[in-house]
Amino acid sequence: MSSIIVYDSKYGTTDKYAEWLKTELGISKYRFDELGALNLAAYDTVILCTPVYFGSMTLAQKVIHLLQGQKQAAPQLFWLVTGVHNIDEKYMTSLINRNLPMHVQVNSLFYQIKTQMNTHKLTMKHRLMMQWMKTAEHTNNPLYTNEEGVVETVEVKQSALQKLLFDVRAHERLISLN
C-alpha cells in the first residue's frame, strides 16, 4: 500500500490543504514541479491537490501526460479542487469534463473546496484581471466584501476535508485486504 500527495499552488492556499492532508494521513507530499519523472502507477492512492485558475485545473494536463506513457494499472486518483468559484455540482461536472478525458475520470474521485485568496500575493497581471472582473461584474460578489476588495486567505477548513479523508482511508483499507 503506497500513497502520495501531489499538489500545485501558485499563491500557497492549495499548499495549506495538501500540508494538512499530509499530516492527517501520514504520507509524503510533493509539489508537482519538484518531482521530475513521476511514475503514478507505482502508487495505489494518489491525492492531487489542484487549484483552478480561469477554468483550468492546473495539474490536469500534467497528470494526463504522465498517465499516457504508463503500462501499469492506473492508481485511484483523489482530486482536491480548490478555487474561489461557488461549490456547485453543475460547475464541477463541467470543469472535470473540460479538463480531464474519460479514461482519467474513471479512476478518479473529486472533492471541491471553495477557498479565498490573498490578493496581496497576486501578480500584477492577476491583480489587473481581478480588478477587471470586479468592474465588469455589477453584482454584489462576496469575493469583494471589504472596501479594498481584499479577501484574506482562510485557515484550512478541516471539516470540508473529512469526506476526502474518509474515502482515502477506506480505499487504503481495501487495498491492504487484497
N, C-alpha and C. Protein backbone atom coordinates (compact mmCIF):
# COMPACT_ATOMS: atom_id res chain seq x y z
N MET A 1 0.85 -1.18 0.00
CA MET A 1 0.00 0.00 0.00
C MET A 1 0.89 1.23 0.00
N SER A 2 0.73 2.06 -1.01
CA SER A 2 1.53 3.28 -1.07
C SER A 2 0.65 4.43 -1.52
N SER A 3 0.86 5.56 -0.87
CA SER A 3 0.06 6.75 -1.15
C SER A 3 0.98 7.95 -1.25
N ILE A 4 0.52 8.94 -2.01
CA ILE A 4 1.30 10.16 -2.19
C ILE A 4 0.33 11.33 -2.41
N ILE A 5 0.77 12.49 -1.99
CA ILE A 5 0.04 13.72 -2.28
C ILE A 5 0.88 14.51 -3.26
N VAL A 6 0.28 14.92 -4.36
CA VAL A 6 0.94 15.76 -5.35
C VAL A 6 0.09 17.02 -5.46
N TYR A 7 0.74 18.17 -5.41
CA TYR A 7 -0.04 19.41 -5.44
C TYR A 7 0.62 20.45 -6.33
N ASP A 8 -0.18 21.42 -6.66
CA ASP A 8 0.28 22.60 -7.36
C ASP A 8 -0.32 23.78 -6.61
N SER A 9 0.43 24.85 -6.48
CA SER A 9 -0.09 26.00 -5.74
C SER A 9 0.69 27.24 -6.17
N LYS A 10 -0.04 28.18 -6.71
CA LYS A 10 0.61 29.40 -7.17
C LYS A 10 0.81 30.40 -6.03
N TYR A 11 -0.19 30.50 -5.15
CA TYR A 11 -0.15 31.51 -4.10
C TYR A 11 -0.16 30.93 -2.68
N GLY A 12 -0.13 29.59 -2.54
CA GLY A 12 0.01 28.97 -1.23
C GLY A 12 -1.24 28.40 -0.60
N THR A 13 -2.41 28.72 -1.12
CA THR A 13 -3.64 28.22 -0.50
C THR A 13 -3.76 26.71 -0.65
N THR A 14 -3.59 26.19 -1.84
CA THR A 14 -3.70 24.75 -2.07
C THR A 14 -2.61 24.00 -1.32
N ASP A 15 -1.44 24.60 -1.18
CA ASP A 15 -0.36 24.00 -0.41
C ASP A 15 -0.79 23.78 1.05
N LYS A 16 -1.55 24.71 1.62
CA LYS A 16 -2.03 24.55 3.00
C LYS A 16 -2.92 23.32 3.14
N TYR A 17 -3.80 23.10 2.17
CA TYR A 17 -4.66 21.93 2.22
C TYR A 17 -3.84 20.65 2.06
N ALA A 18 -2.89 20.65 1.14
CA ALA A 18 -2.03 19.49 0.94
C ALA A 18 -1.21 19.19 2.20
N GLU A 19 -0.73 20.21 2.86
CA GLU A 19 0.04 20.03 4.10
C GLU A 19 -0.83 19.42 5.19
N TRP A 20 -2.06 19.89 5.32
CA TRP A 20 -2.95 19.35 6.32
C TRP A 20 -3.25 17.88 6.04
N LEU A 21 -3.49 17.53 4.77
CA LEU A 21 -3.73 16.14 4.40
C LEU A 21 -2.51 15.28 4.70
N LYS A 22 -1.32 15.80 4.43
CA LYS A 22 -0.08 15.08 4.72
C LYS A 22 0.00 14.74 6.21
N THR A 23 -0.30 15.70 7.04
CA THR A 23 -0.26 15.50 8.48
C THR A 23 -1.30 14.48 8.93
N GLU A 24 -2.52 14.61 8.43
CA GLU A 24 -3.60 13.72 8.83
C GLU A 24 -3.39 12.28 8.38
N LEU A 25 -2.86 12.10 7.17
CA LEU A 25 -2.71 10.77 6.60
C LEU A 25 -1.32 10.17 6.83
N GLY A 26 -0.36 10.99 7.21
CA GLY A 26 1.00 10.49 7.44
C GLY A 26 1.68 10.00 6.17
N ILE A 27 1.45 10.70 5.07
CA ILE A 27 2.05 10.32 3.79
C ILE A 27 2.87 11.48 3.23
N SER A 28 3.66 11.19 2.21
CA SER A 28 4.53 12.20 1.61
C SER A 28 3.74 13.16 0.74
N LYS A 29 4.24 14.38 0.68
CA LYS A 29 3.64 15.46 -0.12
C LYS A 29 4.72 16.05 -0.99
N TYR A 30 4.43 16.21 -2.28
CA TYR A 30 5.40 16.78 -3.21
C TYR A 30 4.72 17.79 -4.11
N ARG A 31 5.41 18.88 -4.35
CA ARG A 31 4.95 19.83 -5.35
C ARG A 31 5.26 19.21 -6.71
N PHE A 32 4.32 19.28 -7.64
CA PHE A 32 4.48 18.57 -8.92
C PHE A 32 5.77 18.92 -9.62
N ASP A 33 6.10 20.20 -9.69
CA ASP A 33 7.29 20.61 -10.46
C ASP A 33 8.61 20.22 -9.79
N GLU A 34 8.57 19.66 -8.60
CA GLU A 34 9.78 19.19 -7.92
C GLU A 34 10.00 17.69 -8.07
N LEU A 35 9.09 17.01 -8.73
CA LEU A 35 9.15 15.55 -8.80
C LEU A 35 10.01 14.99 -9.93
N GLY A 36 10.13 15.69 -11.01
CA GLY A 36 10.81 15.12 -12.16
C GLY A 36 9.90 14.09 -12.81
N ALA A 37 10.45 12.94 -13.13
CA ALA A 37 9.68 11.87 -13.78
C ALA A 37 8.98 11.04 -12.70
N LEU A 38 7.72 11.27 -12.54
CA LEU A 38 6.94 10.56 -11.52
C LEU A 38 6.18 9.42 -12.17
N ASN A 39 6.27 8.23 -11.59
CA ASN A 39 5.51 7.10 -12.06
C ASN A 39 4.29 6.94 -11.16
N LEU A 40 3.18 7.52 -11.57
CA LEU A 40 1.97 7.46 -10.75
C LEU A 40 1.50 6.04 -10.53
N ALA A 41 1.75 5.16 -11.48
CA ALA A 41 1.29 3.78 -11.36
C ALA A 41 2.02 3.02 -10.25
N ALA A 42 3.09 3.58 -9.72
CA ALA A 42 3.80 2.94 -8.62
C ALA A 42 3.04 3.10 -7.30
N TYR A 43 2.01 3.92 -7.29
CA TYR A 43 1.23 4.18 -6.09
C TYR A 43 -0.17 3.59 -6.21
N ASP A 44 -0.72 3.18 -5.08
CA ASP A 44 -2.11 2.72 -5.05
C ASP A 44 -3.07 3.90 -4.98
N THR A 45 -2.65 4.92 -4.24
CA THR A 45 -3.51 6.08 -3.98
C THR A 45 -2.73 7.35 -4.28
N VAL A 46 -3.29 8.20 -5.12
CA VAL A 46 -2.66 9.48 -5.43
C VAL A 46 -3.69 10.57 -5.16
N ILE A 47 -3.33 11.47 -4.24
CA ILE A 47 -4.17 12.62 -3.94
C ILE A 47 -3.58 13.80 -4.69
N LEU A 48 -4.38 14.38 -5.56
CA LEU A 48 -3.95 15.50 -6.39
C LEU A 48 -4.66 16.76 -5.92
N CYS A 49 -3.91 17.69 -5.38
CA CYS A 49 -4.47 18.96 -4.91
C CYS A 49 -4.18 20.02 -5.96
N THR A 50 -5.22 20.49 -6.61
CA THR A 50 -5.02 21.40 -7.73
C THR A 50 -5.91 22.63 -7.62
N PRO A 51 -5.31 23.80 -7.80
CA PRO A 51 -6.14 25.00 -7.87
C PRO A 51 -6.76 25.12 -9.26
N VAL A 52 -7.79 25.92 -9.34
CA VAL A 52 -8.42 26.23 -10.62
C VAL A 52 -8.18 27.70 -10.90
N TYR A 53 -7.59 27.98 -12.06
CA TYR A 53 -7.39 29.36 -12.50
C TYR A 53 -8.09 29.53 -13.83
N PHE A 54 -9.09 30.36 -13.85
CA PHE A 54 -9.82 30.69 -15.06
C PHE A 54 -10.30 29.43 -15.79
N GLY A 55 -10.88 28.51 -15.04
CA GLY A 55 -11.48 27.31 -15.61
C GLY A 55 -10.52 26.18 -15.90
N SER A 56 -9.28 26.30 -15.50
CA SER A 56 -8.30 25.27 -15.77
C SER A 56 -7.76 24.67 -14.47
N MET A 57 -7.86 23.34 -14.35
CA MET A 57 -7.26 22.63 -13.23
C MET A 57 -5.77 22.51 -13.55
N THR A 58 -4.92 23.15 -12.77
CA THR A 58 -3.51 23.28 -13.15
C THR A 58 -2.77 21.95 -13.25
N LEU A 59 -3.17 20.94 -12.51
CA LEU A 59 -2.49 19.64 -12.59
C LEU A 59 -3.03 18.74 -13.69
N ALA A 60 -4.16 19.07 -14.25
CA ALA A 60 -4.84 18.16 -15.18
C ALA A 60 -3.95 17.72 -16.35
N GLN A 61 -3.43 18.65 -17.11
CA GLN A 61 -2.63 18.28 -18.28
C GLN A 61 -1.34 17.55 -17.90
N LYS A 62 -0.75 17.92 -16.77
CA LYS A 62 0.47 17.26 -16.30
C LYS A 62 0.19 15.80 -15.96
N VAL A 63 -0.91 15.55 -15.29
CA VAL A 63 -1.27 14.18 -14.90
C VAL A 63 -1.65 13.36 -16.12
N ILE A 64 -2.40 13.93 -17.05
CA ILE A 64 -2.76 13.23 -18.28
C ILE A 64 -1.50 12.80 -19.01
N HIS A 65 -0.54 13.68 -19.10
CA HIS A 65 0.73 13.37 -19.77
C HIS A 65 1.44 12.21 -19.08
N LEU A 66 1.47 12.20 -17.76
CA LEU A 66 2.12 11.10 -17.02
C LEU A 66 1.40 9.78 -17.22
N LEU A 67 0.09 9.81 -17.24
CA LEU A 67 -0.68 8.57 -17.36
C LEU A 67 -0.61 7.97 -18.76
N GLN A 68 -0.38 8.79 -19.77
CA GLN A 68 -0.36 8.30 -21.15
C GLN A 68 0.74 7.28 -21.40
N GLY A 69 1.90 7.47 -20.80
CA GLY A 69 3.02 6.59 -21.07
C GLY A 69 3.11 5.38 -20.15
N GLN A 70 2.18 5.20 -19.24
CA GLN A 70 2.27 4.12 -18.27
C GLN A 70 1.53 2.88 -18.75
N LYS A 71 2.18 1.74 -18.53
CA LYS A 71 1.58 0.47 -18.94
C LYS A 71 0.92 -0.24 -17.76
N GLN A 72 1.24 0.17 -16.56
CA GLN A 72 0.64 -0.44 -15.37
C GLN A 72 -0.77 0.11 -15.18
N ALA A 73 -1.52 -0.56 -14.32
CA ALA A 73 -2.87 -0.08 -13.99
C ALA A 73 -2.78 1.28 -13.32
N ALA A 74 -3.70 2.13 -13.65
CA ALA A 74 -3.71 3.47 -13.07
C ALA A 74 -4.14 3.39 -11.60
N PRO A 75 -3.55 4.22 -10.76
CA PRO A 75 -3.95 4.24 -9.35
C PRO A 75 -5.29 4.92 -9.16
N GLN A 76 -5.84 4.82 -7.97
CA GLN A 76 -7.04 5.57 -7.63
C GLN A 76 -6.62 7.02 -7.41
N LEU A 77 -7.23 7.93 -8.13
CA LEU A 77 -6.92 9.35 -8.03
C LEU A 77 -7.99 10.05 -7.21
N PHE A 78 -7.56 10.81 -6.23
CA PHE A 78 -8.45 11.64 -5.43
C PHE A 78 -8.08 13.09 -5.73
N TRP A 79 -8.95 13.81 -6.39
CA TRP A 79 -8.70 15.19 -6.79
C TRP A 79 -9.31 16.15 -5.78
N LEU A 80 -8.49 16.95 -5.14
CA LEU A 80 -8.98 18.05 -4.31
C LEU A 80 -8.84 19.31 -5.14
N VAL A 81 -9.97 19.85 -5.55
CA VAL A 81 -10.01 21.01 -6.44
C VAL A 81 -10.32 22.24 -5.61
N THR A 82 -9.43 23.20 -5.64
CA THR A 82 -9.62 24.42 -4.85
C THR A 82 -9.80 25.61 -5.79
N GLY A 83 -10.64 26.54 -5.38
CA GLY A 83 -10.84 27.73 -6.18
C GLY A 83 -11.88 28.63 -5.55
N VAL A 84 -12.03 29.81 -6.08
CA VAL A 84 -12.94 30.80 -5.50
C VAL A 84 -14.37 30.66 -6.02
N HIS A 85 -14.60 29.77 -6.96
CA HIS A 85 -15.94 29.58 -7.51
C HIS A 85 -16.82 28.90 -6.46
N ASN A 86 -18.08 29.25 -6.45
CA ASN A 86 -19.02 28.61 -5.53
C ASN A 86 -19.09 27.12 -5.79
N ILE A 87 -19.25 26.35 -4.72
CA ILE A 87 -19.36 24.91 -4.86
C ILE A 87 -20.71 24.60 -5.48
N ASP A 88 -20.64 23.96 -6.63
CA ASP A 88 -21.83 23.73 -7.43
C ASP A 88 -21.58 22.49 -8.28
N GLU A 89 -22.46 21.51 -8.20
CA GLU A 89 -22.26 20.25 -8.92
C GLU A 89 -22.18 20.45 -10.43
N LYS A 90 -23.01 21.32 -10.96
CA LYS A 90 -23.02 21.58 -12.40
C LYS A 90 -21.68 22.17 -12.85
N TYR A 91 -21.19 23.15 -12.10
CA TYR A 91 -19.90 23.76 -12.43
C TYR A 91 -18.78 22.72 -12.33
N MET A 92 -18.79 21.93 -11.26
CA MET A 92 -17.74 20.93 -11.06
C MET A 92 -17.74 19.90 -12.18
N THR A 93 -18.91 19.43 -12.58
CA THR A 93 -19.01 18.47 -13.68
C THR A 93 -18.46 19.07 -14.97
N SER A 94 -18.82 20.30 -15.24
CA SER A 94 -18.32 20.98 -16.43
C SER A 94 -16.80 21.14 -16.38
N LEU A 95 -16.28 21.51 -15.22
CA LEU A 95 -14.84 21.68 -15.03
C LEU A 95 -14.10 20.37 -15.28
N ILE A 96 -14.60 19.30 -14.72
CA ILE A 96 -13.97 17.98 -14.88
C ILE A 96 -14.00 17.56 -16.35
N ASN A 97 -15.15 17.71 -17.00
CA ASN A 97 -15.27 17.31 -18.40
C ASN A 97 -14.39 18.13 -19.33
N ARG A 98 -14.19 19.41 -19.01
CA ARG A 98 -13.32 20.26 -19.83
C ARG A 98 -11.84 19.94 -19.63
N ASN A 99 -11.47 19.48 -18.44
CA ASN A 99 -10.06 19.33 -18.10
C ASN A 99 -9.53 17.90 -18.17
N LEU A 100 -10.39 16.91 -18.02
CA LEU A 100 -9.91 15.53 -17.94
C LEU A 100 -10.65 14.61 -18.90
N PRO A 101 -9.90 13.81 -19.66
CA PRO A 101 -10.56 12.84 -20.53
C PRO A 101 -11.20 11.72 -19.70
N MET A 102 -12.11 11.00 -20.30
CA MET A 102 -12.87 9.98 -19.58
C MET A 102 -11.97 8.90 -18.99
N HIS A 103 -10.88 8.52 -19.66
CA HIS A 103 -10.04 7.45 -19.12
C HIS A 103 -9.35 7.87 -17.82
N VAL A 104 -9.20 9.15 -17.57
CA VAL A 104 -8.67 9.63 -16.29
C VAL A 104 -9.81 9.75 -15.27
N GLN A 105 -10.95 10.20 -15.72
CA GLN A 105 -12.10 10.36 -14.81
C GLN A 105 -12.54 9.03 -14.20
N VAL A 106 -12.38 7.94 -14.94
CA VAL A 106 -12.83 6.62 -14.49
C VAL A 106 -12.19 6.22 -13.16
N ASN A 107 -10.93 6.53 -12.97
CA ASN A 107 -10.21 6.17 -11.74
C ASN A 107 -10.11 7.34 -10.78
N SER A 108 -11.03 8.27 -10.85
CA SER A 108 -10.93 9.49 -10.06
C SER A 108 -12.17 9.74 -9.20
N LEU A 109 -11.93 10.30 -8.04
CA LEU A 109 -12.97 10.86 -7.19
C LEU A 109 -12.64 12.33 -7.01
N PHE A 110 -13.67 13.17 -6.93
CA PHE A 110 -13.45 14.62 -6.91
C PHE A 110 -14.07 15.26 -5.67
N TYR A 111 -13.33 16.23 -5.14
CA TYR A 111 -13.74 16.98 -3.97
C TYR A 111 -13.42 18.45 -4.25
N GLN A 112 -14.34 19.31 -3.90
CA GLN A 112 -14.13 20.73 -4.17
C GLN A 112 -14.20 21.51 -2.87
N ILE A 113 -13.29 22.43 -2.72
CA ILE A 113 -13.31 23.34 -1.58
C ILE A 113 -13.25 24.76 -2.12
N LYS A 114 -14.22 25.54 -1.70
CA LYS A 114 -14.20 26.96 -2.06
C LYS A 114 -13.20 27.65 -1.14
N THR A 115 -12.25 28.29 -1.75
CA THR A 115 -11.21 28.98 -0.99
C THR A 115 -11.36 30.48 -1.18
N GLN A 116 -10.58 31.18 -0.44
CA GLN A 116 -10.47 32.61 -0.63
C GLN A 116 -9.02 32.89 -0.96
N MET A 117 -8.76 34.06 -1.45
CA MET A 117 -7.38 34.37 -1.83
C MET A 117 -6.89 35.62 -1.13
N ASN A 118 -5.60 35.67 -1.03
CA ASN A 118 -4.94 36.86 -0.52
C ASN A 118 -4.49 37.64 -1.74
N THR A 119 -5.23 38.67 -2.08
CA THR A 119 -4.92 39.40 -3.31
C THR A 119 -3.59 40.14 -3.25
N HIS A 120 -3.04 40.29 -2.05
CA HIS A 120 -1.71 40.93 -1.93
C HIS A 120 -0.62 40.05 -2.55
N LYS A 121 -0.86 38.74 -2.67
CA LYS A 121 0.12 37.83 -3.24
C LYS A 121 0.00 37.69 -4.76
N LEU A 122 -1.06 38.24 -5.33
CA LEU A 122 -1.28 38.10 -6.76
C LEU A 122 -0.23 38.86 -7.57
N THR A 123 0.07 38.33 -8.74
CA THR A 123 0.95 39.05 -9.65
C THR A 123 0.19 40.27 -10.17
N MET A 124 0.90 41.20 -10.74
CA MET A 124 0.26 42.39 -11.30
C MET A 124 -0.77 42.00 -12.35
N LYS A 125 -0.42 41.04 -13.20
CA LYS A 125 -1.34 40.58 -14.24
C LYS A 125 -2.64 40.08 -13.62
N HIS A 126 -2.54 39.25 -12.58
CA HIS A 126 -3.74 38.70 -11.95
C HIS A 126 -4.51 39.76 -11.16
N ARG A 127 -3.80 40.73 -10.60
CA ARG A 127 -4.50 41.83 -9.92
C ARG A 127 -5.34 42.62 -10.92
N LEU A 128 -4.77 42.88 -12.09
CA LEU A 128 -5.50 43.61 -13.12
C LEU A 128 -6.71 42.80 -13.61
N MET A 129 -6.53 41.49 -13.76
CA MET A 129 -7.65 40.64 -14.16
C MET A 129 -8.76 40.66 -13.11
N MET A 130 -8.39 40.58 -11.85
CA MET A 130 -9.38 40.62 -10.77
C MET A 130 -10.09 41.97 -10.75
N GLN A 131 -9.34 43.04 -10.96
CA GLN A 131 -9.95 44.37 -10.99
C GLN A 131 -10.93 44.48 -12.15
N TRP A 132 -10.53 43.94 -13.30
CA TRP A 132 -11.41 43.95 -14.46
C TRP A 132 -12.68 43.15 -14.17
N MET A 133 -12.53 41.97 -13.55
CA MET A 133 -13.68 41.14 -13.21
C MET A 133 -14.60 41.87 -12.23
N LYS A 134 -13.99 42.55 -11.27
CA LYS A 134 -14.78 43.29 -10.28
C LYS A 134 -15.56 44.41 -10.96
N THR A 135 -14.92 45.11 -11.87
CA THR A 135 -15.57 46.22 -12.57
C THR A 135 -16.65 45.72 -13.52
N ALA A 136 -16.35 44.62 -14.22
CA ALA A 136 -17.28 44.08 -15.20
C ALA A 136 -18.51 43.46 -14.55
N GLU A 137 -18.35 42.96 -13.35
CA GLU A 137 -19.46 42.31 -12.68
C GLU A 137 -20.17 43.32 -11.79
N HIS A 138 -21.36 43.66 -12.14
CA HIS A 138 -22.10 44.71 -11.43
C HIS A 138 -22.99 44.15 -10.32
N THR A 139 -22.63 42.98 -9.78
CA THR A 139 -23.42 42.40 -8.70
C THR A 139 -22.63 42.49 -7.41
N ASN A 140 -23.27 42.15 -6.34
CA ASN A 140 -22.61 42.10 -5.05
C ASN A 140 -21.90 40.76 -4.92
N ASN A 141 -20.72 40.66 -5.41
CA ASN A 141 -19.95 39.43 -5.35
C ASN A 141 -19.30 39.31 -3.98
N PRO A 142 -19.49 38.17 -3.27
CA PRO A 142 -18.88 38.01 -1.96
C PRO A 142 -17.36 37.99 -2.01
N LEU A 143 -16.79 37.88 -3.20
CA LEU A 143 -15.35 37.91 -3.33
C LEU A 143 -14.79 39.28 -2.96
N TYR A 144 -15.61 40.30 -3.07
CA TYR A 144 -15.18 41.66 -2.80
C TYR A 144 -15.98 42.24 -1.64
N THR A 145 -15.76 41.72 -0.46
CA THR A 145 -16.60 42.10 0.66
C THR A 145 -16.14 43.32 1.42
N ASN A 146 -14.87 43.62 1.41
CA ASN A 146 -14.46 44.82 2.15
C ASN A 146 -14.13 45.95 1.19
N GLU A 147 -13.90 47.10 1.74
CA GLU A 147 -13.76 48.28 0.90
C GLU A 147 -12.55 48.26 -0.03
N GLU A 148 -11.53 47.47 0.29
CA GLU A 148 -10.36 47.41 -0.58
C GLU A 148 -10.46 46.29 -1.61
N GLY A 149 -11.48 45.46 -1.52
CA GLY A 149 -11.59 44.34 -2.46
C GLY A 149 -10.62 43.23 -2.14
N VAL A 150 -10.18 43.14 -0.89
CA VAL A 150 -9.20 42.14 -0.50
C VAL A 150 -9.89 41.06 0.32
N VAL A 151 -9.63 39.84 -0.05
CA VAL A 151 -10.13 38.71 0.73
C VAL A 151 -8.91 37.97 1.25
N GLU A 152 -8.82 37.84 2.55
CA GLU A 152 -7.68 37.17 3.16
C GLU A 152 -7.82 35.66 3.01
N THR A 153 -6.68 34.99 2.90
CA THR A 153 -6.67 33.54 2.83
C THR A 153 -7.16 32.99 4.17
N VAL A 154 -8.05 32.04 4.11
CA VAL A 154 -8.59 31.44 5.33
C VAL A 154 -7.73 30.29 5.80
N GLU A 155 -7.88 29.92 7.06
CA GLU A 155 -7.21 28.75 7.60
C GLU A 155 -7.80 27.51 6.95
N VAL A 156 -7.09 26.41 7.04
CA VAL A 156 -7.56 25.16 6.46
C VAL A 156 -8.93 24.80 7.03
N LYS A 157 -9.85 24.49 6.15
CA LYS A 157 -11.21 24.11 6.54
C LYS A 157 -11.24 22.60 6.76
N GLN A 158 -10.87 22.19 7.95
CA GLN A 158 -10.74 20.76 8.22
C GLN A 158 -12.03 19.99 8.00
N SER A 159 -13.16 20.54 8.38
CA SER A 159 -14.41 19.81 8.24
C SER A 159 -14.74 19.54 6.77
N ALA A 160 -14.35 20.43 5.89
CA ALA A 160 -14.62 20.24 4.46
C ALA A 160 -13.80 19.10 3.88
N LEU A 161 -12.72 18.73 4.53
CA LEU A 161 -11.85 17.68 4.02
C LEU A 161 -12.16 16.31 4.60
N GLN A 162 -13.11 16.24 5.53
CA GLN A 162 -13.39 14.97 6.20
C GLN A 162 -13.85 13.88 5.23
N LYS A 163 -14.67 14.22 4.24
CA LYS A 163 -15.13 13.23 3.26
C LYS A 163 -13.96 12.66 2.47
N LEU A 164 -13.05 13.52 2.06
CA LEU A 164 -11.86 13.07 1.35
C LEU A 164 -11.04 12.14 2.23
N LEU A 165 -10.79 12.51 3.47
CA LEU A 165 -10.03 11.67 4.39
C LEU A 165 -10.70 10.31 4.57
N PHE A 166 -12.00 10.31 4.76
CA PHE A 166 -12.74 9.06 4.94
C PHE A 166 -12.57 8.16 3.72
N ASP A 167 -12.74 8.72 2.52
CA ASP A 167 -12.64 7.93 1.30
C ASP A 167 -11.23 7.40 1.06
N VAL A 168 -10.22 8.21 1.34
CA VAL A 168 -8.83 7.75 1.17
C VAL A 168 -8.53 6.62 2.14
N ARG A 169 -8.92 6.78 3.39
CA ARG A 169 -8.67 5.72 4.38
C ARG A 169 -9.42 4.44 4.03
N ALA A 170 -10.64 4.56 3.54
CA ALA A 170 -11.40 3.38 3.12
C ALA A 170 -10.71 2.68 1.95
N HIS A 171 -10.23 3.45 1.01
CA HIS A 171 -9.50 2.88 -0.14
C HIS A 171 -8.23 2.18 0.32
N GLU A 172 -7.51 2.78 1.24
CA GLU A 172 -6.28 2.17 1.76
C GLU A 172 -6.57 0.86 2.48
N ARG A 173 -7.67 0.82 3.25
CA ARG A 173 -8.05 -0.43 3.93
C ARG A 173 -8.39 -1.50 2.90
N LEU A 174 -9.10 -1.13 1.87
CA LEU A 174 -9.47 -2.08 0.82
C LEU A 174 -8.21 -2.65 0.14
N ILE A 175 -7.27 -1.79 -0.17
CA ILE A 175 -6.01 -2.22 -0.80
C ILE A 175 -5.25 -3.18 0.12
N SER A 176 -5.22 -2.87 1.41
CA SER A 176 -4.47 -3.70 2.35
C SER A 176 -5.09 -5.09 2.51
N LEU A 177 -6.40 -5.24 2.22
CA LEU A 177 -7.07 -6.53 2.31
C LEU A 177 -6.79 -7.41 1.10
N ASN A 178 -6.44 -6.80 -0.02
CA ASN A 178 -6.17 -7.58 -1.25
C ASN A 178 -4.81 -8.16 -1.28
